[in-house]
PDB file of N, CA and C in Angstrom:
ATOM      1  N   UNK A   1     -29.113 117.290 209.644  1.00  0.00           N
ATOM      2  CA  UNK A   1     -29.220 116.783 210.981  1.00  0.00           C
ATOM      3  C   UNK A   1     -28.024 115.945 211.444  1.00  0.00           C
ATOM      4  N   UNK A   2     -27.723 116.107 212.574  1.00  0.00           N
ATOM      5  CA  UNK A   2     -26.581 115.326 213.148  1.00  0.00           C
ATOM      6  C   UNK A   2     -27.217 114.348 214.144  1.00  0.00           C
ATOM      7  N   UNK A   3     -26.748 112.996 214.085  1.00  0.00           N
ATOM      8  CA  UNK A   3     -27.272 111.913 214.936  1.00  0.00           C
ATOM      9  C   UNK A   3     -26.638 112.104 216.255  1.00  0.00           C
ATOM     10  N   UNK A   4     -27.345 112.218 217.305  1.00  0.00           N
ATOM     11  CA  UNK A   4     -26.927 112.145 218.739  1.00  0.00           C
ATOM     12  C   UNK A   4     -26.785 110.612 219.177  1.00  0.00           C
ATOM     13  N   UNK A   5     -25.780 110.129 219.283  1.00  0.00           N
ATOM     14  CA  UNK A   5     -25.541 108.737 219.659  1.00  0.00           C
ATOM     15  C   UNK A   5     -25.967 108.491 221.116  1.00  0.00           C
ATOM     16  N   UNK A   6     -25.815 109.289 222.022  1.00  0.00           N
ATOM     17  CA  UNK A   6     -26.203 109.042 223.338  1.00  0.00           C
ATOM     18  C   UNK A   6     -27.835 108.720 223.380  1.00  0.00           C
ATOM     19  N   UNK A   7     -28.573 109.651 222.757  1.00  0.00           N
ATOM     20  CA  UNK A   7     -30.066 109.549 222.751  1.00  0.00           C
ATOM     21  C   UNK A   7     -30.743 108.664 221.698  1.00  0.00           C
ATOM     22  N   UNK A   8     -29.755 108.332 220.724  1.00  0.00           N
ATOM     23  CA  UNK A   8     -30.268 107.677 219.549  1.00  0.00           C
ATOM     24  C   UNK A   8     -31.321 108.443 218.652  1.00  0.00           C
ATOM     25  N   UNK A   9     -31.272 109.734 218.785  1.00  0.00           N
ATOM     26  CA  UNK A   9     -32.234 110.574 217.974  1.00  0.00           C
ATOM     27  C   UNK A   9     -31.355 111.558 217.250  1.00  0.00           C
ATOM     28  N   UNK A  10     -32.086 112.389 216.349  1.00  0.00           N
ATOM     29  CA  UNK A  10     -31.373 113.548 215.635  1.00  0.00           C
ATOM     30  C   UNK A  10     -31.415 114.739 216.500  1.00  0.00           C
ATOM     31  N   UNK A  11     -30.417 115.401 216.502  1.00  0.00           N
ATOM     32  CA  UNK A  11     -30.398 116.852 217.215  1.00  0.00           C
ATOM     33  C   UNK A  11     -30.407 117.867 215.957  1.00  0.00           C
ATOM     34  N   UNK A  12     -31.132 118.880 216.052  1.00  0.00           N
ATOM     35  CA  UNK A  12     -31.209 119.938 214.939  1.00  0.00           C
ATOM     36  C   UNK A  12     -29.958 120.494 214.746  1.00  0.00           C
ATOM     37  N   UNK A  13     -29.240 120.909 215.872  1.00  0.00           N
ATOM     38  CA  UNK A  13     -27.922 121.698 215.635  1.00  0.00           C
ATOM     39  C   UNK A  13     -26.943 120.959 216.643  1.00  0.00           C
ATOM     40  N   UNK A  14     -25.604 121.162 216.183  1.00  0.00           N
ATOM     41  CA  UNK A  14     -24.524 120.544 217.139  1.00  0.00           C
ATOM     42  C   UNK A  14     -24.250 121.585 218.170  1.00  0.00           C
ATOM     43  N   UNK A  15     -23.622 121.193 219.202  1.00  0.00           N
ATOM     44  CA  UNK A  15     -23.286 122.127 220.364  1.00  0.00           C
ATOM     45  C   UNK A  15     -22.224 123.026 219.854  1.00  0.00           C
ATOM     46  N   UNK A  16     -22.170 124.303 220.279  1.00  0.00           N
ATOM     47  CA  UNK A  16     -21.346 125.238 220.032  1.00  0.00           C
ATOM     48  C   UNK A  16     -20.429 125.543 221.321  1.00  0.00           C
ATOM     49  N   UNK A  17     -19.171 125.217 221.125  1.00  0.00           N
ATOM     50  CA  UNK A  17     -18.290 125.429 222.135  1.00  0.00           C
ATOM     51  C   UNK A  17     -17.488 126.605 222.105  1.00  0.00           C
ATOM     52  N   UNK A  18     -16.563 126.819 223.100  1.00  0.00           N
ATOM     53  CA  UNK A  18     -15.731 128.032 223.133  1.00  0.00           C
ATOM     54  C   UNK A  18     -14.760 128.180 221.913  1.00  0.00           C
ATOM     55  N   UNK A  19     -14.277 127.014 221.479  1.00  0.00           N
ATOM     56  CA  UNK A  19     -13.390 127.034 220.309  1.00  0.00           C
ATOM     57  C   UNK A  19     -13.941 127.529 219.017  1.00  0.00           C
ATOM     58  N   UNK A  20     -15.221 127.191 218.966  1.00  0.00           N
ATOM     59  CA  UNK A  20     -16.025 127.511 217.689  1.00  0.00           C
ATOM     60  C   UNK A  20     -16.295 129.108 217.727  1.00  0.00           C
ATOM     61  N   UNK A  21     -16.695 129.599 219.024  1.00  0.00           N
ATOM     62  CA  UNK A  21     -16.968 130.953 219.196  1.00  0.00           C
ATOM     63  C   UNK A  21     -15.641 131.822 218.856  1.00  0.00           C
ATOM     64  N   UNK A  22     -14.479 131.261 219.387  1.00  0.00           N
ATOM     65  CA  UNK A  22     -13.160 132.055 219.105  1.00  0.00           C
ATOM     66  C   UNK A  22     -12.851 132.036 217.688  1.00  0.00           C
ATOM     67  N   UNK A  23     -13.178 130.862 217.068  1.00  0.00           N
ATOM     68  CA  UNK A  23     -12.751 130.818 215.535  1.00  0.00           C
ATOM     69  C   UNK A  23     -13.644 131.869 214.753  1.00  0.00           C
ATOM     70  N   UNK A  24     -14.955 131.924 215.145  1.00  0.00           N
ATOM     71  CA  UNK A  24     -15.803 132.859 214.546  1.00  0.00           C
ATOM     72  C   UNK A  24     -15.502 134.372 214.759  1.00  0.00           C
ATOM     73  N   UNK A  25     -15.033 134.650 216.001  1.00  0.00           N
ATOM     74  CA  UNK A  25     -14.605 136.008 216.242  1.00  0.00           C
ATOM     75  C   UNK A  25     -13.322 136.329 215.602  1.00  0.00           C
ATOM     76  N   UNK A  26     -12.401 135.468 215.409  1.00  0.00           N
ATOM     77  CA  UNK A  26     -11.138 135.687 214.799  1.00  0.00           C
ATOM     78  C   UNK A  26     -11.278 135.798 213.227  1.00  0.00           C
ATOM     79  N   UNK A  27     -12.413 135.144 212.733  1.00  0.00           N
ATOM     80  CA  UNK A  27     -12.600 135.346 211.263  1.00  0.00           C
ATOM     81  C   UNK A  27     -13.233 136.743 211.109  1.00  0.00           C
ATOM     82  N   UNK A  28     -14.163 137.106 211.993  1.00  0.00           N
ATOM     83  CA  UNK A  28     -14.821 138.511 211.935  1.00  0.00           C
ATOM     84  C   UNK A  28     -13.770 139.542 212.048  1.00  0.00           C
ATOM     85  N   UNK A  29     -12.835 139.278 212.918  1.00  0.00           N
ATOM     86  CA  UNK A  29     -11.648 140.344 212.981  1.00  0.00           C
ATOM     87  C   UNK A  29     -10.972 140.527 211.802  1.00  0.00           C
ATOM     88  N   UNK A  30     -10.646 139.425 211.098  1.00  0.00           N
ATOM     89  CA  UNK A  30      -9.783 139.400 209.934  1.00  0.00           C
ATOM     90  C   UNK A  30     -10.640 139.984 208.887  1.00  0.00           C
ATOM     91  N   UNK A  31     -11.993 139.863 208.721  1.00  0.00           N
ATOM     92  CA  UNK A  31     -12.781 140.275 207.675  1.00  0.00           C
ATOM     93  C   UNK A  31     -13.147 141.758 207.738  1.00  0.00           C
ATOM     94  N   UNK A  32     -13.503 142.103 208.991  1.00  0.00           N
ATOM     95  CA  UNK A  32     -13.891 143.496 209.222  1.00  0.00           C
ATOM     96  C   UNK A  32     -12.783 144.530 209.683  1.00  0.00           C
ATOM     97  N   UNK A  33     -11.884 143.958 210.431  1.00  0.00           N
ATOM     98  CA  UNK A  33     -10.774 144.757 210.847  1.00  0.00           C
ATOM     99  C   UNK A  33     -11.108 145.339 212.270  1.00  0.00           C
ATOM    100  N   UNK A  34     -10.159 145.919 212.997  1.00  0.00           N
ATOM    101  CA  UNK A  34     -10.412 146.258 214.265  1.00  0.00           C
ATOM    102  C   UNK A  34     -11.224 147.588 214.394  1.00  0.00           C
ATOM    103  N   UNK A  35     -11.302 148.363 213.406  1.00  0.00           N
ATOM    104  CA  UNK A  35     -11.994 149.592 213.428  1.00  0.00           C
ATOM    105  C   UNK A  35     -13.431 149.390 213.364  1.00  0.00           C
ATOM    106  N   UNK A  36     -13.892 148.491 212.405  1.00  0.00           N
ATOM    107  CA  UNK A  36     -15.228 148.223 212.128  1.00  0.00           C
ATOM    108  C   UNK A  36     -15.916 147.054 212.897  1.00  0.00           C
ATOM    109  N   UNK A  37     -15.199 146.364 213.634  1.00  0.00           N
ATOM    110  CA  UNK A  37     -15.839 145.308 214.408  1.00  0.00           C
ATOM    111  C   UNK A  37     -16.669 145.738 215.431  1.00  0.00           C
ATOM    112  N   UNK A  38     -16.298 146.797 216.231  1.00  0.00           N
ATOM    113  CA  UNK A  38     -17.375 147.328 217.155  1.00  0.00           C
ATOM    114  C   UNK A  38     -18.557 147.958 216.638  1.00  0.00           C
ATOM    115  N   UNK A  39     -18.452 148.483 215.529  1.00  0.00           N
ATOM    116  CA  UNK A  39     -19.694 149.066 214.892  1.00  0.00           C
ATOM    117  C   UNK A  39     -20.542 147.965 214.375  1.00  0.00           C
ATOM    118  N   UNK A  40     -20.005 146.862 213.832  1.00  0.00           N
ATOM    119  CA  UNK A  40     -20.796 145.767 213.429  1.00  0.00           C
ATOM    120  C   UNK A  40     -21.486 144.989 214.598  1.00  0.00           C
ATOM    121  N   UNK A  41     -20.734 144.927 215.613  1.00  0.00           N
ATOM    122  CA  UNK A  41     -21.271 144.329 216.923  1.00  0.00           C
ATOM    123  C   UNK A  41     -22.624 145.050 217.331  1.00  0.00           C
ATOM    124  N   UNK A  42     -22.424 146.460 217.380  1.00  0.00           N
ATOM    125  CA  UNK A  42     -23.574 147.299 217.862  1.00  0.00           C
ATOM    126  C   UNK A  42     -24.685 147.182 216.894  1.00  0.00           C
ATOM    127  N   UNK A  43     -24.352 147.259 215.594  1.00  0.00           N
ATOM    128  CA  UNK A  43     -25.660 147.044 214.637  1.00  0.00           C
ATOM    129  C   UNK A  43     -26.318 145.850 214.630  1.00  0.00           C
ATOM    130  N   UNK A  44     -25.495 144.701 214.949  1.00  0.00           N
ATOM    131  CA  UNK A  44     -26.039 143.355 215.172  1.00  0.00           C
ATOM    132  C   UNK A  44     -26.952 143.298 216.300  1.00  0.00           C
ATOM    133  N   UNK A  45     -26.363 143.841 217.364  1.00  0.00           N
ATOM    134  CA  UNK A  45     -27.197 143.982 218.680  1.00  0.00           C
ATOM    135  C   UNK A  45     -28.434 144.797 218.572  1.00  0.00           C
ATOM    136  N   UNK A  46     -28.396 145.877 217.848  1.00  0.00           N
ATOM    137  CA  UNK A  46     -29.560 146.807 217.694  1.00  0.00           C
ATOM    138  C   UNK A  46     -30.644 145.923 216.884  1.00  0.00           C
ATOM    139  N   UNK A  47     -30.222 145.222 215.850  1.00  0.00           N
ATOM    140  CA  UNK A  47     -31.063 144.465 215.098  1.00  0.00           C
ATOM    141  C   UNK A  47     -31.839 143.228 215.805  1.00  0.00           C
ATOM    142  N   UNK A  48     -30.877 142.706 216.682  1.00  0.00           N
ATOM    143  CA  UNK A  48     -31.487 141.596 217.430  1.00  0.00           C
ATOM    144  C   UNK A  48     -32.469 142.094 218.584  1.00  0.00           C
ATOM    145  N   UNK A  49     -32.201 143.331 219.066  1.00  0.00           N
ATOM    146  CA  UNK A  49     -33.005 143.808 220.023  1.00  0.00           C
ATOM    147  C   UNK A  49     -34.455 144.244 219.417  1.00  0.00           C
ATOM    148  N   UNK A  50     -34.269 144.877 218.127  1.00  0.00           N
ATOM    149  CA  UNK A  50     -35.443 145.213 217.445  1.00  0.00           C
ATOM    150  C   UNK A  50     -36.370 144.059 217.062  1.00  0.00           C
ATOM    151  N   UNK A  51     -35.639 142.968 216.605  1.00  0.00           N
ATOM    152  CA  UNK A  51     -36.468 141.667 216.323  1.00  0.00           C
ATOM    153  C   UNK A  51     -37.112 141.171 217.557  1.00  0.00           C
ATOM    154  N   UNK A  52     -36.417 141.145 218.668  1.00  0.00           N
ATOM    155  CA  UNK A  52     -37.030 140.585 219.944  1.00  0.00           C
ATOM    156  C   UNK A  52     -38.153 141.540 220.218  1.00  0.00           C
ATOM    157  N   UNK A  53     -38.023 142.735 220.162  1.00  0.00           N
ATOM    158  CA  UNK A  53     -39.212 143.627 220.600  1.00  0.00           C
ATOM    159  C   UNK A  53     -40.443 143.480 219.771  1.00  0.00           C
ATOM    160  N   UNK A  54     -40.026 143.262 218.385  1.00  0.00           N
ATOM    161  CA  UNK A  54     -41.234 143.079 217.457  1.00  0.00           C
ATOM    162  C   UNK A  54     -42.006 141.754 217.831  1.00  0.00           C
ATOM    163  N   UNK A  55     -41.245 140.759 218.253  1.00  0.00           N
ATOM    164  CA  UNK A  55     -41.789 139.413 218.548  1.00  0.00           C
ATOM    165  C   UNK A  55     -42.628 139.504 219.918  1.00  0.00           C
ATOM    166  N   UNK A  56     -42.146 140.224 220.953  1.00  0.00           N
ATOM    167  CA  UNK A  56     -42.682 140.232 222.297  1.00  0.00           C
ATOM    168  C   UNK A  56     -43.765 141.268 222.132  1.00  0.00           C
ATOM    169  N   UNK A  57     -43.931 142.204 221.092  1.00  0.00           N
ATOM    170  CA  UNK A  57     -44.869 143.175 221.288  1.00  0.00           C
ATOM    171  C   UNK A  57     -44.474 144.212 222.372  1.00  0.00           C
ATOM    172  N   UNK A  58     -43.440 144.746 222.465  1.00  0.00           N
ATOM    173  CA  UNK A  58     -42.931 145.719 223.443  1.00  0.00           C
ATOM    174  C   UNK A  58     -43.908 146.812 223.601  1.00  0.00           C
ATOM    175  N   UNK A  59     -43.801 147.707 224.606  1.00  0.00           N
ATOM    176  CA  UNK A  59     -44.515 148.845 224.854  1.00  0.00           C
ATOM    177  C   UNK A  59     -44.080 150.000 224.001  1.00  0.00           C
ATOM    178  N   UNK A  60     -43.640 149.876 222.700  1.00  0.00           N
ATOM    179  CA  UNK A  60     -43.172 150.920 221.970  1.00  0.00           C
ATOM    180  C   UNK A  60     -44.233 151.915 221.475  1.00  0.00           C
ATOM    181  N   UNK A  61     -45.578 151.530 221.661  1.00  0.00           N
ATOM    182  CA  UNK A  61     -46.583 152.289 221.190  1.00  0.00           C
ATOM    183  C   UNK A  61     -46.564 153.753 221.868  1.00  0.00           C
ATOM    184  N   UNK A  62     -46.172 153.852 223.082  1.00  0.00           N
ATOM    185  CA  UNK A  62     -46.169 155.025 223.837  1.00  0.00           C
ATOM    186  C   UNK A  62     -45.316 156.030 223.234  1.00  0.00           C
ATOM    187  N   UNK A  63     -44.234 155.601 222.593  1.00  0.00           N
ATOM    188  CA  UNK A  63     -43.188 156.511 221.947  1.00  0.00           C
ATOM    189  C   UNK A  63     -43.798 157.222 220.691  1.00  0.00           C
ATOM    190  N   UNK A  64     -44.791 156.564 220.022  1.00  0.00           N
ATOM    191  CA  UNK A  64     -45.374 156.941 218.810  1.00  0.00           C
ATOM    192  C   UNK A  64     -46.477 157.932 218.983  1.00  0.00           C
ATOM    193  N   UNK A  65     -46.919 158.067 220.198  1.00  0.00           N
ATOM    194  CA  UNK A  65     -47.994 159.011 220.457  1.00  0.00           C
ATOM    195  C   UNK A  65     -47.385 160.455 220.469  1.00  0.00           C
ATOM    196  N   UNK A  66     -48.095 161.427 220.105  1.00  0.00           N
ATOM    197  CA  UNK A  66     -47.615 162.779 220.137  1.00  0.00           C
ATOM    198  C   UNK A  66     -47.644 163.370 221.447  1.00  0.00           C
ATOM    199  N   UNK A  67     -46.580 164.176 221.835  1.00  0.00           N
ATOM    200  CA  UNK A  67     -46.384 164.583 223.202  1.00  0.00           C
ATOM    201  C   UNK A  67     -47.046 166.007 223.299  1.00  0.00           C
ATOM    202  N   UNK A  68     -47.890 166.050 224.098  1.00  0.00           N
ATOM    203  CA  UNK A  68     -48.644 167.458 224.474  1.00  0.00           C
ATOM    204  C   UNK A  68     -47.661 168.351 225.138  1.00  0.00           C
ATOM    205  N   UNK A  69     -47.543 169.601 224.743  1.00  0.00           N
ATOM    206  CA  UNK A  69     -46.670 170.562 225.306  1.00  0.00           C
ATOM    207  C   UNK A  69     -47.182 170.827 226.751  1.00  0.00           C
ATOM    208  N   UNK A  70     -46.324 171.116 227.603  1.00  0.00           N
ATOM    209  CA  UNK A  70     -46.574 171.371 229.101  1.00  0.00           C
ATOM    210  C   UNK A  70     -46.737 172.847 229.332  1.00  0.00           C
ATOM    211  N   UNK A  71     -47.680 173.457 228.619  1.00  0.00           N
ATOM    212  CA  UNK A  71     -47.909 174.905 228.755  1.00  0.00           C
ATOM    213  C   UNK A  71     -48.892 175.010 230.056  1.00  0.00           C
ATOM    214  N   UNK A  72     -48.711 175.910 230.889  1.00  0.00           N
ATOM    215  CA  UNK A  72     -49.655 176.036 231.934  1.00  0.00           C
ATOM    216  C   UNK A  72     -51.174 176.623 231.352  1.00  0.00           C
ATOM    217  N   UNK A  73     -52.170 176.073 232.041  1.00  0.00           N
ATOM    218  CA  UNK A  73     -53.439 176.522 231.653  1.00  0.00           C
ATOM    219  C   UNK A  73     -53.686 178.161 231.958  1.00  0.00           C
ATOM    220  N   UNK A  74     -54.423 178.832 231.007  1.00  0.00           N
ATOM    221  CA  UNK A  74     -54.554 180.242 231.253  1.00  0.00           C
ATOM    222  C   UNK A  74     -55.717 180.430 232.285  1.00  0.00           C
ATOM    223  N   UNK A  75     -55.556 181.425 233.143  1.00  0.00           N
ATOM    224  CA  UNK A  75     -56.799 181.678 233.955  1.00  0.00           C
ATOM    225  C   UNK A  75     -57.937 182.215 233.063  1.00  0.00           C
ATOM    226  N   UNK A  76     -59.198 181.938 233.484  1.00  0.00           N
ATOM    227  CA  UNK A  76     -60.376 182.226 232.749  1.00  0.00           C
ATOM    228  C   UNK A  76     -60.765 183.618 233.057  1.00  0.00           C
ATOM    229  N   UNK A  77     -60.338 184.263 234.275  1.00  0.00           N
ATOM    230  CA  UNK A  77     -60.882 185.478 234.611  1.00  0.00           C
ATOM    231  C   UNK A  77     -60.225 186.542 234.127  1.00  0.00           C
TER     232      UNK A  77
END
């Protein structure tokens, strides 16, 4: 933990500024390369979305139900 001098208390995380974000993106670009960086971003985004939906209990149950075919009803006569 890092001590926050202004409040006299401990803050759980330091502030992340633009320079830190640029540094992380530059390291990711060097490690993954320009071709795999968009793919990695998409997969991280999908994972975060799935995690968020699992926490909020999204309405994904509708997708799991079987879809009935849209056949017209036969006349009984």
